[in-house]
N, C-alpha and C. Protein backbone atom coordinates (compact mmCIF):
# COMPACT_ATOMS: atom_id res chain seq x y z
N MET A 1 143.97 154.86 123.93
CA MET A 1 144.36 154.91 122.57
C MET A 1 143.20 154.26 121.69
N GLU A 2 142.81 154.54 120.55
CA GLU A 2 141.73 154.06 119.67
C GLU A 2 142.36 152.97 118.70
N PRO A 3 141.73 151.95 118.63
CA PRO A 3 142.04 150.95 117.68
C PRO A 3 142.24 151.55 116.20
N PRO A 4 143.03 150.88 115.61
CA PRO A 4 143.21 151.44 114.17
C PRO A 4 142.08 151.34 113.27
N ALA A 5 141.85 152.26 112.42
CA ALA A 5 140.61 152.21 111.52
C ALA A 5 140.77 150.94 110.76
N LYS A 6 139.60 150.35 110.29
CA LYS A 6 139.68 149.14 109.42
C LYS A 6 139.72 149.87 108.04
N LYS A 7 140.61 149.16 107.30
CA LYS A 7 140.74 149.37 105.88
C LYS A 7 139.47 148.78 105.18
N SER A 8 139.03 149.77 104.19
CA SER A 8 137.96 149.15 103.45
C SER A 8 138.47 148.39 102.26
N ARG A 9 137.83 147.43 101.75
CA ARG A 9 138.05 146.67 100.47
C ARG A 9 137.24 147.06 99.52
N GLN A 10 137.71 147.16 98.22
CA GLN A 10 137.00 147.40 97.07
C GLN A 10 137.02 146.28 96.45
N VAL A 11 135.68 145.75 96.08
CA VAL A 11 135.38 144.60 95.25
C VAL A 11 135.03 145.01 93.92
N GLU A 12 135.85 144.46 92.93
CA GLU A 12 135.54 144.78 91.51
C GLU A 12 134.29 144.17 91.13
N GLN A 13 133.62 144.99 90.44
CA GLN A 13 132.07 144.58 89.96
C GLN A 13 132.49 144.07 88.49
N GLY A 14 131.72 142.73 88.27
CA GLY A 14 131.97 142.11 87.06
C GLY A 14 131.19 142.85 85.90
N THR A 15 131.44 142.40 84.55
CA THR A 15 130.72 143.07 83.67
C THR A 15 129.27 142.60 83.59
N ALA A 16 128.53 143.13 82.99
CA ALA A 16 126.83 142.54 82.90
C ALA A 16 126.85 141.33 82.41
N ASP A 17 127.76 140.92 81.33
CA ASP A 17 127.96 139.76 80.74
C ASP A 17 128.22 138.47 81.71
N SER A 18 129.18 138.70 82.61
CA SER A 18 129.71 137.57 83.69
C SER A 18 128.37 137.49 84.65
N ALA A 19 127.99 138.45 84.95
CA ALA A 19 126.71 138.39 86.06
C ALA A 19 125.86 137.60 85.31
N VAL A 20 125.38 137.75 84.18
CA VAL A 20 124.33 136.90 83.55
C VAL A 20 124.84 135.39 83.46
N SER A 21 125.79 135.16 83.24
CA SER A 21 126.28 134.01 82.91
C SER A 21 126.37 133.12 84.33
N ILE A 22 126.63 133.78 85.54
CA ILE A 22 126.58 133.18 86.67
C ILE A 22 125.14 132.79 87.08
N THR A 23 124.26 133.68 86.98
CA THR A 23 122.74 133.45 87.25
C THR A 23 122.13 132.34 86.44
N THR A 24 122.73 132.18 85.13
CA THR A 24 122.08 131.27 84.22
C THR A 24 122.92 130.05 84.03
N ALA A 25 123.92 129.81 85.12
CA ALA A 25 124.56 128.74 85.04
C ALA A 25 123.75 127.33 85.27
N PRO A 26 123.92 126.38 84.57
CA PRO A 26 123.08 125.05 85.06
C PRO A 26 123.54 124.63 86.53
N ASN A 27 122.49 124.13 87.01
CA ASN A 27 122.84 123.37 88.41
C ASN A 27 124.19 122.25 87.91
N THR A 28 124.87 122.23 88.78
CA THR A 28 126.00 121.18 88.42
C THR A 28 125.59 119.70 88.82
N LEU A 29 124.91 119.50 89.82
CA LEU A 29 124.47 118.26 89.97
C LEU A 29 123.53 117.67 88.84
N GLU A 30 122.54 118.67 88.40
CA GLU A 30 121.77 118.07 87.17
C GLU A 30 122.67 118.04 85.90
N ALA A 31 123.66 118.67 85.88
CA ALA A 31 124.44 118.62 84.77
C ALA A 31 125.28 117.37 84.71
N LEU A 32 125.57 116.59 85.72
CA LEU A 32 126.47 115.42 85.72
C LEU A 32 125.80 114.25 85.00
N PRO A 33 126.54 113.53 84.46
CA PRO A 33 125.85 112.25 83.90
C PRO A 33 125.53 111.22 84.90
N ASP A 34 124.72 110.32 84.61
CA ASP A 34 124.26 109.21 85.56
C ASP A 34 125.45 108.27 86.02
N GLU A 35 126.49 108.13 85.25
CA GLU A 35 127.52 107.30 85.39
C GLU A 35 128.57 107.92 86.67
N ILE A 36 128.66 109.40 86.62
CA ILE A 36 129.27 110.05 87.44
C ILE A 36 128.67 110.16 88.64
N LEU A 37 127.50 110.11 88.75
CA LEU A 37 126.58 110.04 89.91
C LEU A 37 126.54 108.89 90.50
N MET A 38 126.47 107.85 89.91
CA MET A 38 126.44 106.30 90.46
C MET A 38 128.06 106.06 91.13
N VAL A 39 128.98 106.68 90.61
CA VAL A 39 130.37 106.54 91.31
C VAL A 39 130.36 107.47 92.63
N ILE A 40 129.66 108.72 92.82
CA ILE A 40 129.47 109.17 93.87
C ILE A 40 128.58 108.56 94.76
N PHE A 41 127.31 108.09 94.24
CA PHE A 41 126.44 107.33 95.26
C PHE A 41 127.04 106.13 95.66
N ALA A 42 128.17 105.43 95.08
CA ALA A 42 128.39 104.24 95.58
C ALA A 42 129.45 104.57 97.06
N ALA A 43 129.94 105.70 97.17
CA ALA A 43 130.42 106.13 98.37
C ALA A 43 129.59 106.70 99.44
N LEU A 44 128.13 106.78 99.21
CA LEU A 44 127.41 107.17 100.17
C LEU A 44 127.27 105.93 101.13
N SER A 45 126.68 106.28 102.49
CA SER A 45 125.88 105.57 103.39
C SER A 45 124.70 105.17 102.91
N VAL A 46 124.01 104.11 103.65
CA VAL A 46 122.57 103.70 103.54
C VAL A 46 121.66 105.19 103.82
N ARG A 47 121.93 105.65 104.70
CA ARG A 47 121.28 106.95 105.31
C ARG A 47 121.49 107.97 104.30
N ASP A 48 122.62 108.23 103.55
CA ASP A 48 122.74 109.37 102.85
C ASP A 48 121.99 109.00 101.40
N LEU A 49 122.08 107.76 100.99
CA LEU A 49 121.56 107.36 99.98
C LEU A 49 119.85 107.53 100.19
N GLY A 50 119.51 107.29 101.26
CA GLY A 50 117.96 107.45 101.48
C GLY A 50 117.77 108.84 101.35
N ALA A 51 118.49 109.86 101.71
CA ALA A 51 118.27 111.18 101.92
C ALA A 51 118.41 111.68 100.17
N VAL A 52 119.36 111.28 99.49
CA VAL A 52 119.46 111.70 98.22
C VAL A 52 118.24 111.36 97.21
N SER A 53 117.83 110.15 97.59
CA SER A 53 116.46 109.52 96.91
C SER A 53 115.28 110.41 97.08
N ARG A 54 115.16 111.51 98.08
CA ARG A 54 114.03 112.34 98.14
C ARG A 54 114.34 113.40 97.57
N VAL A 55 115.30 113.63 96.89
CA VAL A 55 115.51 115.14 96.28
C VAL A 55 114.58 115.35 95.02
N CYS A 56 114.60 114.34 93.93
CA CYS A 56 114.13 114.55 92.82
C CYS A 56 114.05 113.04 92.29
N ARG A 57 113.15 112.95 91.49
CA ARG A 57 112.72 111.51 90.67
C ARG A 57 114.10 111.04 89.91
N ARG A 58 114.96 111.78 89.33
CA ARG A 58 116.07 111.23 88.72
C ARG A 58 117.06 110.70 89.85
N LEU A 59 117.23 111.54 91.01
CA LEU A 59 118.33 110.88 91.98
C LEU A 59 117.52 109.70 92.69
N GLN A 60 116.32 109.85 92.62
CA GLN A 60 115.54 108.57 93.46
C GLN A 60 115.77 107.25 92.42
N ARG A 61 115.53 107.39 91.08
CA ARG A 61 115.90 106.33 90.23
C ARG A 61 117.41 105.91 90.31
N LEU A 62 118.32 106.83 90.35
CA LEU A 62 119.67 106.19 90.46
C LEU A 62 119.90 105.79 91.97
N ALA A 63 119.59 106.42 93.01
CA ALA A 63 119.68 105.88 94.24
C ALA A 63 119.00 104.52 94.48
N ASN A 64 118.21 104.18 93.86
CA ASN A 64 117.46 103.01 94.23
C ASN A 64 118.12 101.77 93.20
N GLU A 65 119.34 102.00 92.36
CA GLU A 65 119.67 101.12 91.76
C GLU A 65 120.23 99.77 92.49
N GLU A 66 119.93 98.58 91.91
CA GLU A 66 120.25 97.47 92.72
C GLU A 66 121.73 97.00 93.11
N ASP A 67 122.52 97.48 92.12
CA ASP A 67 124.06 97.21 92.43
C ASP A 67 124.40 98.39 93.73
N LEU A 68 123.94 99.24 93.97
CA LEU A 68 124.27 99.99 95.05
C LEU A 68 123.72 99.59 96.57
N TRP A 69 122.50 98.98 96.35
CA TRP A 69 122.08 98.17 97.51
C TRP A 69 122.61 96.55 97.70
N ARG A 70 123.13 96.24 96.68
CA ARG A 70 123.80 94.99 96.70
C ARG A 70 125.11 95.10 97.60
N ARG A 71 125.80 96.20 97.17
CA ARG A 71 127.13 96.50 97.89
C ARG A 71 126.89 96.64 99.40
N HIS A 72 125.81 97.30 99.80
CA HIS A 72 125.51 97.73 100.99
C HIS A 72 125.11 96.36 101.78
N TYR A 73 124.35 95.50 101.16
CA TYR A 73 124.08 94.19 101.82
C TYR A 73 125.33 93.43 102.05
N VAL A 74 125.98 93.11 100.91
CA VAL A 74 127.08 92.57 101.06
C VAL A 74 128.18 92.84 102.11
N ALA A 75 128.33 94.17 102.32
CA ALA A 75 129.03 94.88 103.40
C ALA A 75 128.43 94.63 104.78
N ALA A 76 127.24 94.80 104.87
CA ALA A 76 126.35 94.55 105.96
C ALA A 76 126.56 93.12 106.60
N VAL A 77 126.56 92.03 105.62
CA VAL A 77 126.52 90.70 106.17
C VAL A 77 127.83 89.92 106.03
N ARG A 78 128.94 90.79 105.25
CA ARG A 78 129.99 90.29 105.16
C ARG A 78 129.99 89.02 104.33
N GLN A 79 129.20 88.74 103.21
CA GLN A 79 129.21 87.47 102.52
C GLN A 79 129.03 87.82 101.10
N GLN A 80 129.36 86.94 100.33
CA GLN A 80 128.93 87.40 98.74
C GLN A 80 127.94 86.24 98.50
N THR A 81 126.73 86.63 97.75
CA THR A 81 125.89 85.63 97.36
C THR A 81 125.93 85.37 95.82
N LYS A 82 125.82 84.27 95.63
CA LYS A 82 125.72 83.88 94.11
C LYS A 82 124.26 83.75 93.67
N VAL A 83 123.54 83.62 94.31
CA VAL A 83 122.00 83.28 93.93
C VAL A 83 121.33 84.64 93.71
N LYS A 84 120.66 84.61 92.86
CA LYS A 84 119.74 85.94 92.46
C LYS A 84 118.63 85.86 93.53
N PRO A 85 118.74 86.95 94.31
CA PRO A 85 117.57 87.12 95.30
C PRO A 85 116.12 87.17 94.68
N ARG A 86 115.28 86.75 95.59
CA ARG A 86 113.88 86.93 95.31
C ARG A 86 113.51 88.42 95.67
N TRP A 87 114.03 88.92 96.58
CA TRP A 87 113.96 90.28 96.81
C TRP A 87 114.90 91.34 96.44
N THR A 88 114.56 92.58 96.57
CA THR A 88 115.51 93.41 95.94
C THR A 88 116.76 93.62 96.90
N TRP A 89 117.81 94.20 96.48
CA TRP A 89 118.98 94.10 97.62
C TRP A 89 118.46 95.17 98.66
N LYS A 90 118.01 96.26 98.42
CA LYS A 90 117.42 97.04 99.33
C LYS A 90 116.64 96.39 100.39
N ARG A 91 115.74 95.52 100.07
CA ARG A 91 114.89 94.82 101.03
C ARG A 91 115.70 93.81 101.84
N HIS A 92 116.87 93.05 101.08
CA HIS A 92 117.57 92.35 101.83
C HIS A 92 118.34 92.98 102.88
N LEU A 93 118.99 94.14 102.77
CA LEU A 93 119.55 95.03 103.56
C LEU A 93 118.84 95.24 104.73
N ARG A 94 117.40 95.62 104.45
CA ARG A 94 116.51 96.23 105.48
C ARG A 94 116.32 94.90 106.40
N GLN A 95 116.14 93.71 105.82
CA GLN A 95 115.76 92.41 106.69
C GLN A 95 116.98 92.32 107.55
N ALA A 96 118.14 92.32 106.93
CA ALA A 96 119.49 91.96 107.78
C ALA A 96 119.66 92.98 108.89
N THR A 97 119.16 94.24 108.73
CA THR A 97 119.42 95.11 109.76
C THR A 97 118.18 94.80 110.87
N ARG A 98 117.23 94.50 110.43
CA ARG A 98 116.12 94.29 111.50
C ARG A 98 116.49 93.20 112.23
N GLU A 99 117.13 91.87 111.52
CA GLU A 99 117.65 90.72 112.17
C GLU A 99 118.74 91.17 113.42
N ILE A 100 119.69 91.96 112.82
CA ILE A 100 120.79 92.43 113.72
C ILE A 100 120.13 93.20 115.01
N LEU A 101 119.11 94.02 114.69
CA LEU A 101 118.71 94.92 115.77
C LEU A 101 117.85 94.08 116.46
N ASP A 102 117.18 92.78 116.35
CA ASP A 102 116.42 92.04 117.09
C ASP A 102 117.51 91.22 117.95
N LEU A 103 118.55 90.65 117.26
CA LEU A 103 119.58 90.04 118.16
C LEU A 103 120.04 90.93 119.15
N LEU A 104 120.37 92.23 118.77
CA LEU A 104 121.13 93.21 120.00
C LEU A 104 119.90 93.37 120.93
N ARG A 105 118.84 93.72 120.57
CA ARG A 105 117.82 93.80 121.67
C ARG A 105 117.42 92.69 122.42
N SER A 106 117.35 91.38 121.97
CA SER A 106 117.40 90.34 122.87
C SER A 106 118.72 90.05 123.79
N SER A 107 119.69 90.15 123.27
CA SER A 107 120.87 90.07 123.81
C SER A 107 120.87 91.06 125.14
N PHE A 108 120.24 92.24 124.85
CA PHE A 108 120.36 93.27 125.72
C PHE A 108 119.15 93.20 126.82
N GLU A 109 118.13 92.45 126.67
CA GLU A 109 117.07 92.20 127.40
C GLU A 109 117.66 91.05 128.54
N ILE A 110 118.35 89.96 127.90
CA ILE A 110 119.20 89.03 128.84
C ILE A 110 120.03 89.69 129.65
N PHE A 111 120.82 90.58 129.14
CA PHE A 111 121.90 91.24 130.14
C PHE A 111 121.15 91.89 131.24
N LEU A 112 120.08 92.73 130.89
CA LEU A 112 119.36 93.28 131.94
C LEU A 112 118.85 92.43 133.15
N LEU A 113 118.33 90.98 132.53
CA LEU A 113 117.66 90.21 133.35
C LEU A 113 118.77 89.61 134.40
N ASP A 114 119.87 89.31 133.67
CA ASP A 114 120.98 88.74 134.39
C ASP A 114 121.53 89.63 135.47
N LEU A 115 121.72 91.00 135.20
CA LEU A 115 122.05 92.08 136.12
C LEU A 115 121.10 92.24 137.00
N HIS A 116 119.82 92.19 136.81
CA HIS A 116 118.76 92.23 137.87
C HIS A 116 118.90 91.08 138.95
N PHE A 117 118.95 89.88 138.51
CA PHE A 117 119.00 88.70 139.16
C PHE A 117 120.38 88.73 140.07
N ARG A 118 121.49 89.00 139.57
CA ARG A 118 122.60 89.34 140.30
C ARG A 118 122.64 90.30 141.37
N SER A 119 121.94 91.47 140.99
CA SER A 119 121.89 92.56 142.09
C SER A 119 120.75 92.11 143.30
N SER A 120 119.85 91.20 142.98
CA SER A 120 119.07 90.85 143.98
C SER A 120 119.51 89.76 145.08
N PHE A 121 120.65 89.26 144.80
CA PHE A 121 121.24 88.29 145.73
C PHE A 121 122.23 89.09 146.71
C-alpha cells in the first residue's frame, strides 16, 4: 500500500507594495532608542555585553556605560561601594574576576599538593 499523497499548500503572494515595505523596513535594533537598549543590556551577562559591544560603534558606546558595569561589579563582589572609583567599573569587575580566579587557582594547587602527599603515604 502506498502512502497517501501529500497535499500541496498554496501560499498567497502579497502585493508588490507589501513586498517593498518588507524589504525596506528599518532594522528593528537600530530603530530602538538608547533608553530601551539600556534596559535590554541591563539583563545581559558580562559575556553577552562584550559580544554586543563588538557589533557596531553605537552598541559599543551603550555597552560600555559605567552603570552597566557597576551593576555587574556589585553583583560579583556582593557589596555596594559609596566611593567613586579611580578605575572604570568594567576595570573593577575585571580585577575582581582575576582575584577570584587567582584564589581558585591557588586553592586548587594546594588541594593537588595535599592529595599528592596523602597518596604517597
